[in-house]
PDB file of N, CA and C in Angstrom:
ATOM      1  N   UNK A   1     361.728 220.830 288.614  1.00  0.00           N
ATOM      2  CA  UNK A   1     361.876 222.116 287.985  1.00  0.00           C
ATOM      3  C   UNK A   1     361.135 223.152 288.806  1.00  0.00           C
ATOM      4  N   UNK A   2     361.776 224.255 289.104  1.00  0.00           N
ATOM      5  CA  UNK A   2     361.137 225.311 289.867  1.00  0.00           C
ATOM      6  C   UNK A   2     360.495 226.314 288.930  1.00  0.00           C
ATOM      7  N   UNK A   3     359.377 226.828 289.339  1.00  0.00           N
ATOM      8  CA  UNK A   3     358.662 227.836 288.567  1.00  0.00           C
ATOM      9  C   UNK A   3     358.864 229.196 289.221  1.00  0.00           C
ATOM     10  N   UNK A   4     359.020 230.202 288.420  1.00  0.00           N
ATOM     11  CA  UNK A   4     359.165 231.554 288.932  1.00  0.00           C
ATOM     12  C   UNK A   4     357.790 232.174 289.109  1.00  0.00           C
ATOM     13  N   UNK A   5     357.582 232.922 290.176  1.00  0.00           N
ATOM     14  CA  UNK A   5     356.318 233.587 290.404  1.00  0.00           C
ATOM     15  C   UNK A   5     356.122 234.737 289.421  1.00  0.00           C
ATOM     16  N   UNK A   6     357.177 235.384 289.049  1.00  0.00           N
ATOM     17  CA  UNK A   6     357.131 236.467 288.070  1.00  0.00           C
ATOM     18  C   UNK A   6     358.381 236.369 287.208  1.00  0.00           C
ATOM     19  N   UNK A   7     358.370 236.989 286.032  1.00  0.00           N
ATOM     20  CA  UNK A   7     359.542 236.871 285.165  1.00  0.00           C
ATOM     21  C   UNK A   7     360.724 237.707 285.638  1.00  0.00           C
ATOM     22  N   UNK A   8     361.185 237.454 286.844  1.00  0.00           N
ATOM     23  CA  UNK A   8     362.365 238.112 287.374  1.00  0.00           C
ATOM     24  C   UNK A   8     363.506 237.118 287.369  1.00  0.00           C
ATOM     25  N   UNK A   9     364.678 237.600 287.150  1.00  0.00           N
ATOM     26  CA  UNK A   9     365.846 236.737 287.066  1.00  0.00           C
ATOM     27  C   UNK A   9     366.278 236.283 288.453  1.00  0.00           C
ATOM     28  N   UNK A  10     366.418 234.970 288.625  1.00  0.00           N
ATOM     29  CA  UNK A  10     366.950 234.420 289.857  1.00  0.00           C
ATOM     30  C   UNK A  10     368.443 234.209 289.684  1.00  0.00           C
ATOM     31  N   UNK A  11     369.174 234.146 290.789  1.00  0.00           N
ATOM     32  CA  UNK A  11     370.615 233.934 290.745  1.00  0.00           C
ATOM     33  C   UNK A  11     370.935 232.665 289.963  1.00  0.00           C
ATOM     34  N   UNK A  12     371.793 232.757 288.965  1.00  0.00           N
ATOM     35  CA  UNK A  12     372.220 231.597 288.191  1.00  0.00           C
ATOM     36  C   UNK A  12     371.331 231.267 287.017  1.00  0.00           C
ATOM     37  N   UNK A  13     370.194 231.949 286.847  1.00  0.00           N
ATOM     38  CA  UNK A  13     369.306 231.677 285.732  1.00  0.00           C
ATOM     39  C   UNK A  13     369.655 232.596 284.574  1.00  0.00           C
ATOM     40  N   UNK A  14     370.018 232.052 283.400  1.00  0.00           N
ATOM     41  CA  UNK A  14     370.317 232.914 282.268  1.00  0.00           C
ATOM     42  C   UNK A  14     369.104 233.769 281.919  1.00  0.00           C
ATOM     43  N   UNK A  15     369.317 235.030 281.587  1.00  0.00           N
ATOM     44  CA  UNK A  15     368.231 235.940 281.273  1.00  0.00           C
ATOM     45  C   UNK A  15     367.398 235.421 280.110  1.00  0.00           C
ATOM     46  N   UNK A  16     368.016 234.751 279.145  1.00  0.00           N
ATOM     47  CA  UNK A  16     367.286 234.234 277.990  1.00  0.00           C
ATOM     48  C   UNK A  16     366.353 233.095 278.356  1.00  0.00           C
ATOM     49  N   UNK A  17     366.470 232.530 279.549  1.00  0.00           N
ATOM     50  CA  UNK A  17     365.653 231.397 279.938  1.00  0.00           C
ATOM     51  C   UNK A  17     364.295 231.807 280.492  1.00  0.00           C
ATOM     52  N   UNK A  18     364.035 233.095 280.616  1.00  0.00           N
ATOM     53  CA  UNK A  18     362.772 233.556 281.164  1.00  0.00           C
ATOM     54  C   UNK A  18     361.739 233.733 280.071  1.00  0.00           C
ATOM     55  N   UNK A  19     360.463 233.492 280.418  1.00  0.00           N
ATOM     56  CA  UNK A  19     359.386 233.769 279.476  1.00  0.00           C
ATOM     57  C   UNK A  19     358.276 234.522 280.190  1.00  0.00           C
ATOM     58  N   UNK A  20     357.395 235.116 279.441  1.00  0.00           N
ATOM     59  CA  UNK A  20     356.378 235.993 280.005  1.00  0.00           C
ATOM     60  C   UNK A  20     355.465 235.278 280.994  1.00  0.00           C
ATOM     61  N   UNK A  21     355.179 234.011 280.809  1.00  0.00           N
ATOM     62  CA  UNK A  21     354.290 233.268 281.692  1.00  0.00           C
ATOM     63  C   UNK A  21     354.878 233.008 283.058  1.00  0.00           C
ATOM     64  N   UNK A  22     356.135 233.304 283.273  1.00  0.00           N
ATOM     65  CA  UNK A  22     356.740 233.130 284.577  1.00  0.00           C
ATOM     66  C   UNK A  22     357.538 231.852 284.699  1.00  0.00           C
ATOM     67  N   UNK A  23     357.285 230.858 283.847  1.00  0.00           N
ATOM     68  CA  UNK A  23     358.049 229.621 283.907  1.00  0.00           C
ATOM     69  C   UNK A  23     359.359 229.789 283.177  1.00  0.00           C
ATOM     70  N   UNK A  24     360.169 228.747 283.185  1.00  0.00           N
ATOM     71  CA  UNK A  24     361.430 228.842 282.475  1.00  0.00           C
ATOM     72  C   UNK A  24     361.435 227.903 281.285  1.00  0.00           C
ATOM     73  N   UNK A  25     361.972 228.369 280.198  1.00  0.00           N
ATOM     74  CA  UNK A  25     362.262 227.521 279.044  1.00  0.00           C
ATOM     75  C   UNK A  25     363.766 227.469 278.976  1.00  0.00           C
ATOM     76  N   UNK A  26     364.328 226.300 279.145  1.00  0.00           N
ATOM     77  CA  UNK A  26     365.772 226.190 279.139  1.00  0.00           C
ATOM     78  C   UNK A  26     366.319 226.402 277.732  1.00  0.00           C
ATOM     79  N   UNK A  27     365.705 225.831 276.736  1.00  0.00           N
ATOM     80  CA  UNK A  27     366.181 225.976 275.372  1.00  0.00           C
ATOM     81  C   UNK A  27     365.581 224.936 274.463  1.00  0.00           C
ATOM     82  N   UNK A  28     366.138 224.829 273.269  1.00  0.00           N
ATOM     83  CA  UNK A  28     365.664 223.846 272.305  1.00  0.00           C
ATOM     84  C   UNK A  28     366.841 223.035 271.775  1.00  0.00           C
ATOM     85  N   UNK A  29     366.545 221.841 271.351  1.00  0.00           N
ATOM     86  CA  UNK A  29     367.554 220.963 270.757  1.00  0.00           C
ATOM     87  C   UNK A  29     367.992 221.548 269.411  1.00  0.00           C
ATOM     88  N   UNK A  30     369.290 221.604 269.176  1.00  0.00           N
ATOM     89  CA  UNK A  30     369.806 222.154 267.920  1.00  0.00           C
ATOM     90  C   UNK A  30     369.458 221.277 266.726  1.00  0.00           C
ATOM     91  N   UNK A  31     369.217 220.005 266.967  1.00  0.00           N
ATOM     92  CA  UNK A  31     369.008 219.065 265.877  1.00  0.00           C
ATOM     93  C   UNK A  31     367.545 218.954 265.445  1.00  0.00           C
ATOM     94  N   UNK A  32     366.631 218.826 266.410  1.00  0.00           N
ATOM     95  CA  UNK A  32     365.226 218.604 266.060  1.00  0.00           C
ATOM     96  C   UNK A  32     364.301 219.733 266.479  1.00  0.00           C
ATOM     97  N   UNK A  33     364.770 220.654 267.327  1.00  0.00           N
ATOM     98  CA  UNK A  33     363.948 221.772 267.750  1.00  0.00           C
ATOM     99  C   UNK A  33     363.059 221.488 268.944  1.00  0.00           C
ATOM    100  N   UNK A  34     363.182 220.318 269.557  1.00  0.00           N
ATOM    101  CA  UNK A  34     362.380 219.954 270.731  1.00  0.00           C
ATOM    102  C   UNK A  34     362.671 220.924 271.877  1.00  0.00           C
ATOM    103  N   UNK A  35     361.608 221.434 272.524  1.00  0.00           N
ATOM    104  CA  UNK A  35     361.762 222.334 273.663  1.00  0.00           C
ATOM    105  C   UNK A  35     362.133 221.525 274.893  1.00  0.00           C
ATOM    106  N   UNK A  36     363.187 221.931 275.564  1.00  0.00           N
ATOM    107  CA  UNK A  36     363.679 221.253 276.764  1.00  0.00           C
ATOM    108  C   UNK A  36     363.459 222.187 277.950  1.00  0.00           C
ATOM    109  N   UNK A  37     362.723 221.717 278.952  1.00  0.00           N
ATOM    110  CA  UNK A  37     362.437 222.553 280.120  1.00  0.00           C
ATOM    111  C   UNK A  37     363.165 222.073 281.366  1.00  0.00           C
ATOM    112  N   UNK A  38     363.820 220.935 281.297  1.00  0.00           N
ATOM    113  CA  UNK A  38     364.571 220.411 282.437  1.00  0.00           C
ATOM    114  C   UNK A  38     366.005 220.922 282.401  1.00  0.00           C
ATOM    115  N   UNK A  39     366.650 220.866 283.539  1.00  0.00           N
ATOM    116  CA  UNK A  39     368.063 221.242 283.595  1.00  0.00           C
ATOM    117  C   UNK A  39     368.877 220.287 282.721  1.00  0.00           C
ATOM    118  N   UNK A  40     369.935 220.792 282.132  1.00  0.00           N
ATOM    119  CA  UNK A  40     370.756 220.008 281.212  1.00  0.00           C
ATOM    120  C   UNK A  40     372.077 219.667 281.873  1.00  0.00           C
ATOM    121  N   UNK A  41     372.307 218.364 282.081  1.00  0.00           N
ATOM    122  CA  UNK A  41     373.570 217.895 282.633  1.00  0.00           C
ATOM    123  C   UNK A  41     374.575 217.640 281.527  1.00  0.00           C
ATOM    124  N   UNK A  42     375.784 217.272 281.908  1.00  0.00           N
ATOM    125  CA  UNK A  42     376.852 217.071 280.923  1.00  0.00           C
ATOM    126  C   UNK A  42     376.529 215.988 279.890  1.00  0.00           C
ATOM    127  N   UNK A  43     375.832 214.929 280.286  1.00  0.00           N
ATOM    128  CA  UNK A  43     375.529 213.820 279.366  1.00  0.00           C
ATOM    129  C   UNK A  43     374.054 213.745 278.975  1.00  0.00           C
ATOM    130  N   UNK A  44     373.307 214.825 279.167  1.00  0.00           N
ATOM    131  CA  UNK A  44     371.877 214.836 278.833  1.00  0.00           C
ATOM    132  C   UNK A  44     371.686 214.717 277.323  1.00  0.00           C
ATOM    133  N   UNK A  45     370.640 213.992 276.944  1.00  0.00           N
ATOM    134  CA  UNK A  45     370.305 213.843 275.531  1.00  0.00           C
ATOM    135  C   UNK A  45     368.864 214.273 275.296  1.00  0.00           C
ATOM    136  N   UNK A  46     368.563 214.631 274.082  1.00  0.00           N
ATOM    137  CA  UNK A  46     367.220 215.039 273.694  1.00  0.00           C
ATOM    138  C   UNK A  46     366.293 213.822 273.750  1.00  0.00           C
ATOM    139  N   UNK A  47     365.130 213.947 274.376  1.00  0.00           N
ATOM    140  CA  UNK A  47     364.218 212.810 274.440  1.00  0.00           C
ATOM    141  C   UNK A  47     363.632 212.431 273.083  1.00  0.00           C
ATOM    142  N   UNK A  48     363.663 213.348 272.127  1.00  0.00           N
ATOM    143  CA  UNK A  48     363.084 213.087 270.810  1.00  0.00           C
ATOM    144  C   UNK A  48     364.089 212.482 269.826  1.00  0.00           C
ATOM    145  N   UNK A  49     365.272 213.106 269.686  1.00  0.00           N
ATOM    146  CA  UNK A  49     366.234 212.648 268.671  1.00  0.00           C
ATOM    147  C   UNK A  49     367.521 212.081 269.266  1.00  0.00           C
ATOM    148  N   UNK A  50     367.669 212.140 270.578  1.00  0.00           N
ATOM    149  CA  UNK A  50     368.815 211.593 271.320  1.00  0.00           C
ATOM    150  C   UNK A  50     370.144 212.292 271.023  1.00  0.00           C
ATOM    151  N   UNK A  51     370.085 213.527 270.528  1.00  0.00           N
ATOM    152  CA  UNK A  51     371.309 214.323 270.339  1.00  0.00           C
ATOM    153  C   UNK A  51     371.762 214.835 271.704  1.00  0.00           C
ATOM    154  N   UNK A  52     373.070 215.008 271.874  1.00  0.00           N
ATOM    155  CA  UNK A  52     373.579 215.560 273.127  1.00  0.00           C
ATOM    156  C   UNK A  52     373.112 217.011 273.274  1.00  0.00           C
ATOM    157  N   UNK A  53     372.642 217.363 274.459  1.00  0.00           N
ATOM    158  CA  UNK A  53     372.159 218.713 274.712  1.00  0.00           C
ATOM    159  C   UNK A  53     373.260 219.635 275.228  1.00  0.00           C
ATOM    160  N   UNK A  54     374.199 219.088 275.998  1.00  0.00           N
ATOM    161  CA  UNK A  54     375.299 219.897 276.535  1.00  0.00           C
ATOM    162  C   UNK A  54     376.414 219.923 275.492  1.00  0.00           C
ATOM    163  N   UNK A  55     376.132 220.633 274.393  1.00  0.00           N
ATOM    164  CA  UNK A  55     377.078 220.710 273.284  1.00  0.00           C
ATOM    165  C   UNK A  55     377.219 222.159 272.832  1.00  0.00           C
ATOM    166  N   UNK A  56     378.254 222.426 272.089  1.00  0.00           N
ATOM    167  CA  UNK A  56     378.517 223.791 271.614  1.00  0.00           C
ATOM    168  C   UNK A  56     377.336 224.350 270.819  1.00  0.00           C
ATOM    169  N   UNK A  57     376.710 223.522 269.986  1.00  0.00           N
ATOM    170  CA  UNK A  57     375.630 223.996 269.135  1.00  0.00           C
ATOM    171  C   UNK A  57     374.405 224.432 269.924  1.00  0.00           C
ATOM    172  N   UNK A  58     374.283 224.013 271.176  1.00  0.00           N
ATOM    173  CA  UNK A  58     373.163 224.424 272.023  1.00  0.00           C
ATOM    174  C   UNK A  58     373.545 225.540 272.985  1.00  0.00           C
ATOM    175  N   UNK A  59     374.730 226.058 272.878  1.00  0.00           N
ATOM    176  CA  UNK A  59     375.223 227.060 273.825  1.00  0.00           C
ATOM    177  C   UNK A  59     375.036 228.479 273.287  1.00  0.00           C
ATOM    178  N   UNK A  60     374.663 229.380 274.170  1.00  0.00           N
ATOM    179  CA  UNK A  60     374.507 230.787 273.811  1.00  0.00           C
ATOM    180  C   UNK A  60     375.825 231.393 273.331  1.00  0.00           C
ATOM    181  N   UNK A  61     376.938 230.878 273.801  1.00  0.00           N
ATOM    182  CA  UNK A  61     378.250 231.431 273.465  1.00  0.00           C
ATOM    183  C   UNK A  61     378.829 230.892 272.153  1.00  0.00           C
ATOM    184  N   UNK A  62     378.156 229.925 271.524  1.00  0.00           N
ATOM    185  CA  UNK A  62     378.665 229.339 270.288  1.00  0.00           C
ATOM    186  C   UNK A  62     378.629 230.359 269.158  1.00  0.00           C
ATOM    187  N   UNK A  63     379.744 230.509 268.476  1.00  0.00           N
ATOM    188  CA  UNK A  63     379.854 231.429 267.353  1.00  0.00           C
ATOM    189  C   UNK A  63     380.901 230.883 266.387  1.00  0.00           C
ATOM    190  N   UNK A  64     380.479 230.348 265.239  1.00  0.00           N
ATOM    191  CA  UNK A  64     381.431 229.754 264.297  1.00  0.00           C
ATOM    192  C   UNK A  64     382.520 230.712 263.829  1.00  0.00           C
ATOM    193  N   UNK A  65     382.262 232.008 263.865  1.00  0.00           N
ATOM    194  CA  UNK A  65     383.251 232.967 263.376  1.00  0.00           C
ATOM    195  C   UNK A  65     384.237 233.427 264.452  1.00  0.00           C
ATOM    196  N   UNK A  66     384.024 233.012 265.688  1.00  0.00           N
ATOM    197  CA  UNK A  66     384.913 233.406 266.781  1.00  0.00           C
ATOM    198  C   UNK A  66     386.057 232.411 266.959  1.00  0.00           C
ATOM    199  N   UNK A  67     387.097 232.861 267.663  1.00  0.00           N
ATOM    200  CA  UNK A  67     388.220 231.986 267.985  1.00  0.00           C
ATOM    201  C   UNK A  67     387.709 230.803 268.799  1.00  0.00           C
ATOM    202  N   UNK A  68     388.097 229.593 268.458  1.00  0.00           N
ATOM    203  CA  UNK A  68     387.632 228.349 269.088  1.00  0.00           C
ATOM    204  C   UNK A  68     386.118 228.172 268.990  1.00  0.00           C
ATOM    205  N   UNK A  69     385.475 228.902 268.095  1.00  0.00           N
ATOM    206  CA  UNK A  69     384.027 228.844 267.879  1.00  0.00           C
ATOM    207  C   UNK A  69     383.240 229.224 269.125  1.00  0.00           C
ATOM    208  N   UNK A  70     383.798 230.083 269.965  1.00  0.00           N
ATOM    209  CA  UNK A  70     383.160 230.453 271.223  1.00  0.00           C
ATOM    210  C   UNK A  70     383.393 231.936 271.516  1.00  0.00           C
ATOM    211  N   UNK A  71     382.363 232.591 272.051  1.00  0.00           N
ATOM    212  CA  UNK A  71     382.486 234.000 272.412  1.00  0.00           C
ATOM    213  C   UNK A  71     383.291 234.204 273.688  1.00  0.00           C
ATOM    214  N   UNK A  72     383.484 233.138 274.458  1.00  0.00           N
ATOM    215  CA  UNK A  72     384.290 233.220 275.671  1.00  0.00           C
ATOM    216  C   UNK A  72     385.761 233.019 275.310  1.00  0.00           C
ATOM    217  N   UNK A  73     386.597 233.861 275.830  1.00  0.00           N
ATOM    218  CA  UNK A  73     388.027 233.755 275.519  1.00  0.00           C
ATOM    219  C   UNK A  73     388.743 232.723 276.389  1.00  0.00           C
ATOM    220  N   UNK A  74     388.052 232.158 277.363  1.00  0.00           N
ATOM    221  CA  UNK A  74     388.702 231.227 278.289  1.00  0.00           C
ATOM    222  C   UNK A  74     388.423 229.760 277.974  1.00  0.00           C
ATOM    223  N   UNK A  75     387.667 229.466 276.934  1.00  0.00           N
ATOM    224  CA  UNK A  75     387.343 228.073 276.626  1.00  0.00           C
ATOM    225  C   UNK A  75     388.365 227.455 275.685  1.00  0.00           C
ATOM    226  N   UNK A  76     388.495 226.148 275.774  1.00  0.00           N
ATOM    227  CA  UNK A  76     389.375 225.406 274.879  1.00  0.00           C
ATOM    228  C   UNK A  76     388.619 225.038 273.612  1.00  0.00           C
ATOM    229  N   UNK A  77     389.358 224.737 272.553  1.00  0.00           N
ATOM    230  CA  UNK A  77     388.749 224.303 271.300  1.00  0.00           C
ATOM    231  C   UNK A  77     388.072 222.948 271.491  1.00  0.00           C
ATOM    232  N   UNK A  78     386.865 222.828 270.966  1.00  0.00           N
ATOM    233  CA  UNK A  78     386.121 221.559 270.994  1.00  0.00           C
ATOM    234  C   UNK A  78     386.001 221.093 269.556  1.00  0.00           C
ATOM    235  N   UNK A  79     386.556 219.932 269.269  1.00  0.00           N
ATOM    236  CA  UNK A  79     386.583 219.420 267.899  1.00  0.00           C
ATOM    237  C   UNK A  79     385.185 219.118 267.370  1.00  0.00           C
ATOM    238  N   UNK A  80     384.354 218.436 268.170  1.00  0.00           N
ATOM    239  CA  UNK A  80     383.013 218.039 267.741  1.00  0.00           C
ATOM    240  C   UNK A  80     381.980 218.953 268.403  1.00  0.00           C
ATOM    241  N   UNK A  81     381.487 219.947 267.662  1.00  0.00           N
ATOM    242  CA  UNK A  81     380.536 220.918 268.218  1.00  0.00           C
ATOM    243  C   UNK A  81     379.195 220.287 268.548  1.00  0.00           C
ATOM    244  N   UNK A  82     378.859 219.140 267.939  1.00  0.00           N
ATOM    245  CA  UNK A  82     377.597 218.446 268.220  1.00  0.00           C
ATOM    246  C   UNK A  82     377.713 217.488 269.395  1.00  0.00           C
ATOM    247  N   UNK A  83     378.909 217.082 269.730  1.00  0.00           N
ATOM    248  CA  UNK A  83     379.122 216.102 270.795  1.00  0.00           C
ATOM    249  C   UNK A  83     379.031 216.717 272.181  1.00  0.00           C
ATOM    250  N   UNK A  84     378.855 215.857 273.171  1.00  0.00           N
ATOM    251  CA  UNK A  84     378.798 216.312 274.563  1.00  0.00           C
ATOM    252  C   UNK A  84     380.162 216.853 274.979  1.00  0.00           C
ATOM    253  N   UNK A  85     380.149 217.880 275.816  1.00  0.00           N
ATOM    254  CA  UNK A  85     381.399 218.415 276.341  1.00  0.00           C
ATOM    255  C   UNK A  85     381.219 218.771 277.808  1.00  0.00           C
ATOM    256  N   UNK A  86     382.287 219.130 278.455  1.00  0.00           N
ATOM    257  CA  UNK A  86     382.268 219.422 279.884  1.00  0.00           C
ATOM    258  C   UNK A  86     382.551 220.895 280.167  1.00  0.00           C
ATOM    259  N   UNK A  87     382.173 221.767 279.255  1.00  0.00           N
ATOM    260  CA  UNK A  87     382.427 223.198 279.402  1.00  0.00           C
ATOM    261  C   UNK A  87     381.639 223.758 280.590  1.00  0.00           C
ATOM    262  N   UNK A  88     382.337 224.447 281.460  1.00  0.00           N
ATOM    263  CA  UNK A  88     381.712 225.043 282.644  1.00  0.00           C
ATOM    264  C   UNK A  88     380.952 226.327 282.293  1.00  0.00           C
ATOM    265  N   UNK A  89     381.219 226.911 281.136  1.00  0.00           N
ATOM    266  CA  UNK A  89     380.578 228.167 280.758  1.00  0.00           C
ATOM    267  C   UNK A  89     379.348 227.965 279.878  1.00  0.00           C
ATOM    268  N   UNK A  90     378.919 226.725 279.709  1.00  0.00           N
ATOM    269  CA  UNK A  90     377.776 226.382 278.875  1.00  0.00           C
ATOM    270  C   UNK A  90     376.507 227.079 279.367  1.00  0.00           C
ATOM    271  N   UNK A  91     375.792 227.727 278.430  1.00  0.00           N
ATOM    272  CA  UNK A  91     374.496 228.346 278.715  1.00  0.00           C
ATOM    273  C   UNK A  91     373.523 227.879 277.647  1.00  0.00           C
ATOM    274  N   UNK A  92     372.605 227.002 278.046  1.00  0.00           N
ATOM    275  CA  UNK A  92     371.637 226.428 277.113  1.00  0.00           C
ATOM    276  C   UNK A  92     370.773 227.531 276.524  1.00  0.00           C
ATOM    277  N   UNK A  93     370.522 227.466 275.227  1.00  0.00           N
ATOM    278  CA  UNK A  93     369.782 228.530 274.552  1.00  0.00           C
ATOM    279  C   UNK A  93     368.832 227.951 273.513  1.00  0.00           C
ATOM    280  N   UNK A  94     368.085 228.825 272.894  1.00  0.00           N
ATOM    281  CA  UNK A  94     367.151 228.454 271.844  1.00  0.00           C
ATOM    282  C   UNK A  94     367.734 228.892 270.506  1.00  0.00           C
ATOM    283  N   UNK A  95     367.783 227.973 269.580  1.00  0.00           N
ATOM    284  CA  UNK A  95     368.259 228.265 268.227  1.00  0.00           C
ATOM    285  C   UNK A  95     367.289 227.639 267.234  1.00  0.00           C
ATOM    286  N   UNK A  96     367.360 228.098 265.998  1.00  0.00           N
ATOM    287  CA  UNK A  96     366.603 227.455 264.934  1.00  0.00           C
ATOM    288  C   UNK A  96     367.180 226.059 264.736  1.00  0.00           C
ATOM    289  N   UNK A  97     366.323 225.056 264.523  1.00  0.00           N
ATOM    290  CA  UNK A  97     366.846 223.703 264.335  1.00  0.00           C
ATOM    291  C   UNK A  97     367.601 223.603 263.022  1.00  0.00           C
ATOM    292  N   UNK A  98     368.431 222.588 262.907  1.00  0.00           N
ATOM    293  CA  UNK A  98     369.281 222.409 261.731  1.00  0.00           C
ATOM    294  C   UNK A  98     368.450 222.433 260.457  1.00  0.00           C
ATOM    295  N   UNK A  99     368.880 223.209 259.494  1.00  0.00           N
ATOM    296  CA  UNK A  99     368.195 223.284 258.214  1.00  0.00           C
ATOM    297  C   UNK A  99     367.030 224.264 258.199  1.00  0.00           C
ATOM    298  N   UNK A 100     366.737 224.918 259.317  1.00  0.00           N
ATOM    299  CA  UNK A 100     365.618 225.850 259.401  1.00  0.00           C
ATOM    300  C   UNK A 100     366.157 227.279 259.441  1.00  0.00           C
ATOM    301  N   UNK A 101     365.525 228.165 258.729  1.00  0.00           N
ATOM    302  CA  UNK A 101     365.964 229.556 258.723  1.00  0.00           C
ATOM    303  C   UNK A 101     365.511 230.257 260.004  1.00  0.00           C
ATOM    304  N   UNK A 102     366.317 231.153 260.451  1.00  0.00           N
ATOM    305  CA  UNK A 102     365.947 231.966 261.606  1.00  0.00           C
ATOM    306  C   UNK A 102     364.790 232.880 261.207  1.00  0.00           C
ATOM    307  N   UNK A 103     363.872 233.193 262.139  1.00  0.00           N
ATOM    308  CA  UNK A 103     362.716 234.031 261.804  1.00  0.00           C
ATOM    309  C   UNK A 103     363.111 235.390 261.218  1.00  0.00           C
ATOM    310  N   UNK A 104     364.147 236.016 261.726  1.00  0.00           N
ATOM    311  CA  UNK A 104     364.562 237.318 261.211  1.00  0.00           C
ATOM    312  C   UNK A 104     365.034 237.203 259.763  1.00  0.00           C
ATOM    313  N   UNK A 105     365.767 236.147 259.444  1.00  0.00           N
ATOM    314  CA  UNK A 105     366.239 235.936 258.074  1.00  0.00           C
ATOM    315  C   UNK A 105     365.064 235.709 257.132  1.00  0.00           C
ATOM    316  N   UNK A 106     364.062 234.953 257.574  1.00  0.00           N
ATOM    317  CA  UNK A 106     362.878 234.704 256.751  1.00  0.00           C
ATOM    318  C   UNK A 106     362.118 235.994 256.485  1.00  0.00           C
ATOM    319  N   UNK A 107     361.976 236.836 257.500  1.00  0.00           N
ATOM    320  CA  UNK A 107     361.279 238.112 257.320  1.00  0.00           C
ATOM    321  C   UNK A 107     362.063 239.025 256.379  1.00  0.00           C
ATOM    322  N   UNK A 108     363.372 239.034 256.495  1.00  0.00           N
ATOM    323  CA  UNK A 108     364.214 239.835 255.609  1.00  0.00           C
ATOM    324  C   UNK A 108     364.038 239.376 254.161  1.00  0.00           C
ATOM    325  N   UNK A 109     364.063 238.054 253.944  1.00  0.00           N
ATOM    326  CA  UNK A 109     363.908 237.515 252.597  1.00  0.00           C
ATOM    327  C   UNK A 109     362.538 237.835 252.012  1.00  0.00           C
ATOM    328  N   UNK A 110     361.492 237.838 252.861  1.00  0.00           N
ATOM    329  CA  UNK A 110     360.155 238.190 252.387  1.00  0.00           C
ATOM    330  C   UNK A 110     360.094 239.659 251.965  1.00  0.00           C
ATOM    331  N   UNK A 111     360.789 240.494 252.703  1.00  0.00           N
ATOM    332  CA  UNK A 111     360.787 241.916 252.421  1.00  0.00           C
ATOM    333  C   UNK A 111     361.544 242.261 251.143  1.00  0.00           C
ATOM    334  N   UNK A 112     362.733 241.676 250.966  1.00  0.00           N
ATOM    335  CA  UNK A 112     363.582 242.009 249.838  1.00  0.00           C
ATOM    336  C   UNK A 112     363.715 240.898 248.805  1.00  0.00           C
ATOM    337  N   UNK A 113     363.089 239.770 249.008  1.00  0.00           N
ATOM    338  CA  UNK A 113     363.190 238.654 248.085  1.00  0.00           C
ATOM    339  C   UNK A 113     364.417 237.804 248.357  1.00  0.00           C
ATOM    340  N   UNK A 114     364.411 236.567 247.873  1.00  0.00           N
ATOM    341  CA  UNK A 114     365.530 235.641 248.118  1.00  0.00           C
ATOM    342  C   UNK A 114     366.743 236.051 247.398  1.00  0.00           C
TER     343      UNK A 114
END
């Protein structure tokens, strides 16, 4: 894994993968929330829960309300969003783990009540 000297974007590095300390955080597992700092290959699995990492649920482009559940118009429909896939447009991201509320939603609920 290469470390960045400063939080500047290198060619091919998703902007969301940068952090203030200069290193890269690739993303988190959608199932258990484990932080993954290594590159994610097509068949990579989470070291903690063994869920596939190269899956729709771990992709920045995943959107259940979009056509084919993807923000990209060039992708094919993937039946199993949790399963491994071979999408070339995959961008690993950080999401709240399954069953956990997003921080913004929690703050909203605290402000206005459940």
